[in-house]
PDB file of all heavy atoms in Angstrom:
ATOM      1  N   SER A   1      -1.947  -7.810  -6.940  1.00  0.00           N
ATOM      2  CA  SER A   1      -2.450  -8.289  -5.626  1.00  0.00           C
ATOM      3  C   SER A   1      -2.941  -7.235  -4.686  1.00  0.00           C
ATOM      4  O   SER A   1      -3.839  -7.524  -3.920  1.00  0.00           O
ATOM      5  CB  SER A   1      -1.282  -9.149  -4.938  1.00  0.00           C
ATOM      6  OG  SER A   1      -0.243  -8.257  -4.617  1.00  0.00           O
ATOM      7  N   GLY A   2      -2.314  -6.006  -4.750  1.00  0.00           N
ATOM      8  CA  GLY A   2      -2.816  -4.960  -3.948  1.00  0.00           C
ATOM      9  C   GLY A   2      -4.243  -4.502  -4.358  1.00  0.00           C
ATOM     10  O   GLY A   2      -5.094  -4.160  -3.548  1.00  0.00           O
ATOM     11  N   THR A   3      -4.496  -4.596  -5.698  1.00  0.00           N
ATOM     12  CA  THR A   3      -5.842  -4.250  -6.272  1.00  0.00           C
ATOM     13  C   THR A   3      -6.859  -5.236  -5.701  1.00  0.00           C
ATOM     14  O   THR A   3      -7.965  -4.771  -5.201  1.00  0.00           O
ATOM     15  CB  THR A   3      -5.880  -4.207  -7.780  1.00  0.00           C
ATOM     16  OG1 THR A   3      -4.892  -3.259  -8.185  1.00  0.00           O
ATOM     17  CG2 THR A   3      -7.231  -3.880  -8.307  1.00  0.00           C
ATOM     18  N   LEU A   4      -6.460  -6.550  -5.617  1.00  0.00           N
ATOM     19  CA  LEU A   4      -7.389  -7.588  -5.203  1.00  0.00           C
ATOM     20  C   LEU A   4      -7.575  -7.416  -3.672  1.00  0.00           C
ATOM     21  O   LEU A   4      -8.773  -7.309  -3.197  1.00  0.00           O
ATOM     22  CB  LEU A   4      -6.769  -8.867  -5.425  1.00  0.00           C
ATOM     23  CG  LEU A   4      -7.487 -10.174  -4.708  1.00  0.00           C
ATOM     24  CD1 LEU A   4      -8.899 -10.251  -5.317  1.00  0.00           C
ATOM     25  CD2 LEU A   4      -6.791 -11.385  -4.968  1.00  0.00           C
ATOM     26  N   LEU A   5      -6.579  -7.176  -2.951  1.00  0.00           N
ATOM     27  CA  LEU A   5      -6.756  -6.932  -1.494  1.00  0.00           C
ATOM     28  C   LEU A   5      -7.530  -5.676  -1.158  1.00  0.00           C
ATOM     29  O   LEU A   5      -8.292  -5.547  -0.147  1.00  0.00           O
ATOM     30  CB  LEU A   5      -5.350  -6.904  -0.788  1.00  0.00           C
ATOM     31  CG  LEU A   5      -4.690  -8.267  -0.697  1.00  0.00           C
ATOM     32  CD1 LEU A   5      -3.326  -8.066  -0.138  1.00  0.00           C
ATOM     33  CD2 LEU A   5      -5.405  -9.219   0.183  1.00  0.00           C
ATOM     34  N   SER A   6      -7.368  -4.710  -1.989  1.00  0.00           N
ATOM     35  CA  SER A   6      -8.142  -3.413  -1.836  1.00  0.00           C
ATOM     36  C   SER A   6      -9.665  -3.586  -2.005  1.00  0.00           C
ATOM     37  O   SER A   6     -10.501  -2.965  -1.411  1.00  0.00           O
ATOM     38  CB  SER A   6      -7.638  -2.347  -2.814  1.00  0.00           C
ATOM     39  OG  SER A   6      -8.268  -1.073  -2.535  1.00  0.00           O
ATOM     40  N   LEU A   7      -9.998  -4.645  -2.783  1.00  0.00           N
ATOM     41  CA  LEU A   7     -11.403  -5.003  -2.943  1.00  0.00           C
ATOM     42  C   LEU A   7     -11.955  -5.807  -1.689  1.00  0.00           C
ATOM     43  O   LEU A   7     -13.091  -5.677  -1.316  1.00  0.00           O
ATOM     44  CB  LEU A   7     -11.560  -5.810  -4.196  1.00  0.00           C
ATOM     45  CG  LEU A   7     -11.845  -5.068  -5.514  1.00  0.00           C
ATOM     46  CD1 LEU A   7     -11.867  -6.014  -6.720  1.00  0.00           C
ATOM     47  CD2 LEU A   7     -13.256  -4.375  -5.459  1.00  0.00           C
ATOM     48  N   LEU A   8     -11.030  -6.720  -1.315  1.00  0.00           N
ATOM     49  CA  LEU A   8     -11.469  -7.518  -0.186  1.00  0.00           C
ATOM     50  C   LEU A   8     -11.518  -6.952   1.121  1.00  0.00           C
ATOM     51  O   LEU A   8     -12.242  -7.422   2.019  1.00  0.00           O
ATOM     52  CB  LEU A   8     -10.465  -8.751  -0.133  1.00  0.00           C
ATOM     53  CG  LEU A   8     -10.586  -9.712  -1.467  1.00  0.00           C
ATOM     54  CD1 LEU A   8      -9.395 -10.709  -1.263  1.00  0.00           C
ATOM     55  CD2 LEU A   8     -11.867 -10.276  -1.604  1.00  0.00           C
ATOM     56  N   CYS A   9     -10.602  -5.904   1.341  1.00  0.00           N
ATOM     57  CA  CYS A   9     -10.528  -5.266   2.671  1.00  0.00           C
ATOM     58  C   CYS A   9     -11.351  -3.869   2.638  1.00  0.00           C
ATOM     59  O   CYS A   9     -11.090  -3.127   1.652  1.00  0.00           O
ATOM     60  CB  CYS A   9      -9.085  -5.109   2.985  1.00  0.00           C
ATOM     61  SG  CYS A   9      -8.131  -6.619   3.072  1.00  0.00           S
ATOM     62  N   LYS A  10     -11.936  -3.597   3.668  1.00  0.00           N
ATOM     63  CA  LYS A  10     -12.592  -2.294   3.738  1.00  0.00           C
ATOM     64  C   LYS A  10     -11.739  -1.088   4.031  1.00  0.00           C
ATOM     65  O   LYS A  10     -12.014   0.038   3.623  1.00  0.00           O
ATOM     66  CB  LYS A  10     -13.769  -2.361   4.795  1.00  0.00           C
ATOM     67  CG  LYS A  10     -14.843  -3.372   4.440  1.00  0.00           C
ATOM     68  CD  LYS A  10     -15.891  -3.285   5.487  1.00  0.00           C
ATOM     69  CE  LYS A  10     -17.105  -4.239   5.054  1.00  0.00           C
ATOM     70  NZ  LYS A  10     -18.069  -4.291   6.124  1.00  0.00           N
ATOM     71  N   LYS A  11     -10.585  -1.436   4.767  1.00  0.00           N
ATOM     72  CA  LYS A  11      -9.651  -0.363   5.134  1.00  0.00           C
ATOM     73  C   LYS A  11      -8.367  -0.460   4.383  1.00  0.00           C
ATOM     74  O   LYS A  11      -7.891  -1.610   4.146  1.00  0.00           O
ATOM     75  CB  LYS A  11      -9.411  -0.470   6.592  1.00  0.00           C
ATOM     76  CG  LYS A  11     -10.560  -0.269   7.542  1.00  0.00           C
ATOM     77  CD  LYS A  11     -11.045   1.257   7.445  1.00  0.00           C
ATOM     78  CE  LYS A  11     -12.198   1.502   8.407  1.00  0.00           C
ATOM     79  NZ  LYS A  11     -12.648   2.967   8.335  1.00  0.00           N
ATOM     80  N   SER A  12      -7.813   0.672   4.026  1.00  0.00           N
ATOM     81  CA  SER A  12      -6.526   0.639   3.227  1.00  0.00           C
ATOM     82  C   SER A  12      -5.386   0.009   4.026  1.00  0.00           C
ATOM     83  O   SER A  12      -4.517  -0.665   3.541  1.00  0.00           O
ATOM     84  CB  SER A  12      -6.091   2.076   2.824  1.00  0.00           C
ATOM     85  OG  SER A  12      -7.120   2.600   1.975  1.00  0.00           O
ATOM     86  N   VAL A  13      -5.433   0.381   5.290  1.00  0.00           N
ATOM     87  CA  VAL A  13      -4.278  -0.174   6.199  1.00  0.00           C
ATOM     88  C   VAL A  13      -4.308  -1.704   6.272  1.00  0.00           C
ATOM     89  O   VAL A  13      -3.243  -2.362   6.319  1.00  0.00           O
ATOM     90  CB  VAL A  13      -4.391   0.437   7.606  1.00  0.00           C
ATOM     91  CG1 VAL A  13      -5.676   0.055   8.301  1.00  0.00           C
ATOM     92  CG2 VAL A  13      -3.114   0.088   8.385  1.00  0.00           C
ATOM     93  N   THR A  14      -5.532  -2.294   6.259  1.00  0.00           N
ATOM     94  CA  THR A  14      -5.592  -3.725   6.320  1.00  0.00           C
ATOM     95  C   THR A  14      -5.020  -4.327   4.985  1.00  0.00           C
ATOM     96  O   THR A  14      -4.408  -5.260   4.967  1.00  0.00           O
ATOM     97  CB  THR A  14      -7.024  -4.216   6.518  1.00  0.00           C
ATOM     98  OG1 THR A  14      -7.536  -3.532   7.801  1.00  0.00           O
ATOM     99  CG2 THR A  14      -7.192  -5.737   6.646  1.00  0.00           C
ATOM    100  N   ALA A  15      -5.534  -3.729   3.877  1.00  0.00           N
ATOM    101  CA  ALA A  15      -5.040  -4.187   2.556  1.00  0.00           C
ATOM    102  C   ALA A  15      -3.497  -4.057   2.436  1.00  0.00           C
ATOM    103  O   ALA A  15      -2.802  -4.920   1.932  1.00  0.00           O
ATOM    104  CB  ALA A  15      -5.721  -3.496   1.557  1.00  0.00           C
ATOM    105  N   THR A  16      -2.989  -3.001   2.937  1.00  0.00           N
ATOM    106  CA  THR A  16      -1.544  -2.637   2.884  1.00  0.00           C
ATOM    107  C   THR A  16      -0.768  -3.769   3.773  1.00  0.00           C
ATOM    108  O   THR A  16       0.194  -4.438   3.229  1.00  0.00           O
ATOM    109  CB  THR A  16      -1.167  -1.328   3.377  1.00  0.00           C
ATOM    110  OG1 THR A  16      -1.844  -0.361   2.672  1.00  0.00           O
ATOM    111  CG2 THR A  16       0.354  -1.131   3.383  1.00  0.00           C
ATOM    112  N   ALA A  17      -1.297  -4.110   4.856  1.00  0.00           N
ATOM    113  CA  ALA A  17      -0.625  -5.105   5.698  1.00  0.00           C
ATOM    114  C   ALA A  17      -0.714  -6.483   5.086  1.00  0.00           C
ATOM    115  O   ALA A  17       0.332  -7.177   5.132  1.00  0.00           O
ATOM    116  CB  ALA A  17      -1.355  -5.169   7.027  1.00  0.00           C
ATOM    117  N   GLY A  18      -1.830  -6.779   4.431  1.00  0.00           N
ATOM    118  CA  GLY A  18      -1.936  -8.015   3.728  1.00  0.00           C
ATOM    119  C   GLY A  18      -0.936  -8.185   2.599  1.00  0.00           C
ATOM    120  O   GLY A  18      -0.282  -9.229   2.350  1.00  0.00           O
ATOM    121  N   ASN A  19      -0.831  -7.043   1.879  1.00  0.00           N
ATOM    122  CA  ASN A  19       0.059  -7.040   0.655  1.00  0.00           C
ATOM    123  C   ASN A  19       1.562  -7.131   1.091  1.00  0.00           C
ATOM    124  O   ASN A  19       2.348  -7.800   0.450  1.00  0.00           O
ATOM    125  CB  ASN A  19      -0.215  -5.803  -0.216  1.00  0.00           C
ATOM    126  CG  ASN A  19       0.028  -6.178  -1.756  1.00  0.00           C
ATOM    127  OD1 ASN A  19      -0.222  -7.287  -2.124  1.00  0.00           O
ATOM    128  ND2 ASN A  19       0.347  -5.180  -2.498  1.00  0.00           N
ATOM    129  N   MET A  20       1.854  -6.460   2.091  1.00  0.00           N
ATOM    130  CA  MET A  20       3.221  -6.500   2.711  1.00  0.00           C
ATOM    131  C   MET A  20       3.467  -7.866   3.168  1.00  0.00           C
ATOM    132  O   MET A  20       4.611  -8.425   3.061  1.00  0.00           O
ATOM    133  CB  MET A  20       3.445  -5.484   3.871  1.00  0.00           C
ATOM    134  CG  MET A  20       3.387  -4.132   3.418  1.00  0.00           C
ATOM    135  SD  MET A  20       4.908  -3.530   2.578  1.00  0.00           S
ATOM    136  CE  MET A  20       5.930  -3.418   4.047  1.00  0.00           C
ATOM    137  N   GLY A  21       2.515  -8.556   3.727  1.00  0.00           N
ATOM    138  CA  GLY A  21       2.670  -9.907   4.292  1.00  0.00           C
ATOM    139  C   GLY A  21       2.915 -10.846   3.041  1.00  0.00           C
ATOM    140  O   GLY A  21       3.766 -11.771   3.255  1.00  0.00           O
ATOM    141  N   ILE A  22       2.306 -10.627   1.965  1.00  0.00           N
ATOM    142  CA  ILE A  22       2.517 -11.498   0.764  1.00  0.00           C
ATOM    143  C   ILE A  22       4.075 -11.316   0.295  1.00  0.00           C
ATOM    144  O   ILE A  22       4.713 -12.312   0.045  1.00  0.00           O
ATOM    145  CB  ILE A  22       1.696 -11.133  -0.404  1.00  0.00           C
ATOM    146  CG1 ILE A  22       0.231 -11.557  -0.130  1.00  0.00           C
ATOM    147  CG2 ILE A  22       2.063 -11.718  -1.738  1.00  0.00           C
ATOM    148  CD1 ILE A  22      -0.826 -11.058  -1.121  1.00  0.00           C
ATOM    149  N   ALA A  23       4.536 -10.099   0.316  1.00  0.00           N
ATOM    150  CA  ALA A  23       5.873  -9.875  -0.119  1.00  0.00           C
ATOM    151  C   ALA A  23       6.964 -10.494   0.835  1.00  0.00           C
ATOM    152  O   ALA A  23       7.800 -11.141   0.420  1.00  0.00           O
ATOM    153  CB  ALA A  23       6.072  -8.354  -0.242  1.00  0.00           C
ATOM    154  N   LEU A  24       6.645 -10.361   2.087  1.00  0.00           N
ATOM    155  CA  LEU A  24       7.535 -10.883   3.131  1.00  0.00           C
ATOM    156  C   LEU A  24       7.486 -12.408   3.138  1.00  0.00           C
ATOM    157  O   LEU A  24       8.530 -13.105   3.234  1.00  0.00           O
ATOM    158  CB  LEU A  24       7.121 -10.445   4.462  1.00  0.00           C
ATOM    159  CG  LEU A  24       7.414  -8.910   4.880  1.00  0.00           C
ATOM    160  CD1 LEU A  24       6.830  -8.537   6.169  1.00  0.00           C
ATOM    161  CD2 LEU A  24       8.957  -8.663   4.759  1.00  0.00           C
TER     162      LEU A  24
END
């Protein structure tokens, strides 16, 4: 899921926040 979000988000911090949100 982090790989997918890394493609969808231009910034690493945005992708990280999204993946953390999935886990939470």
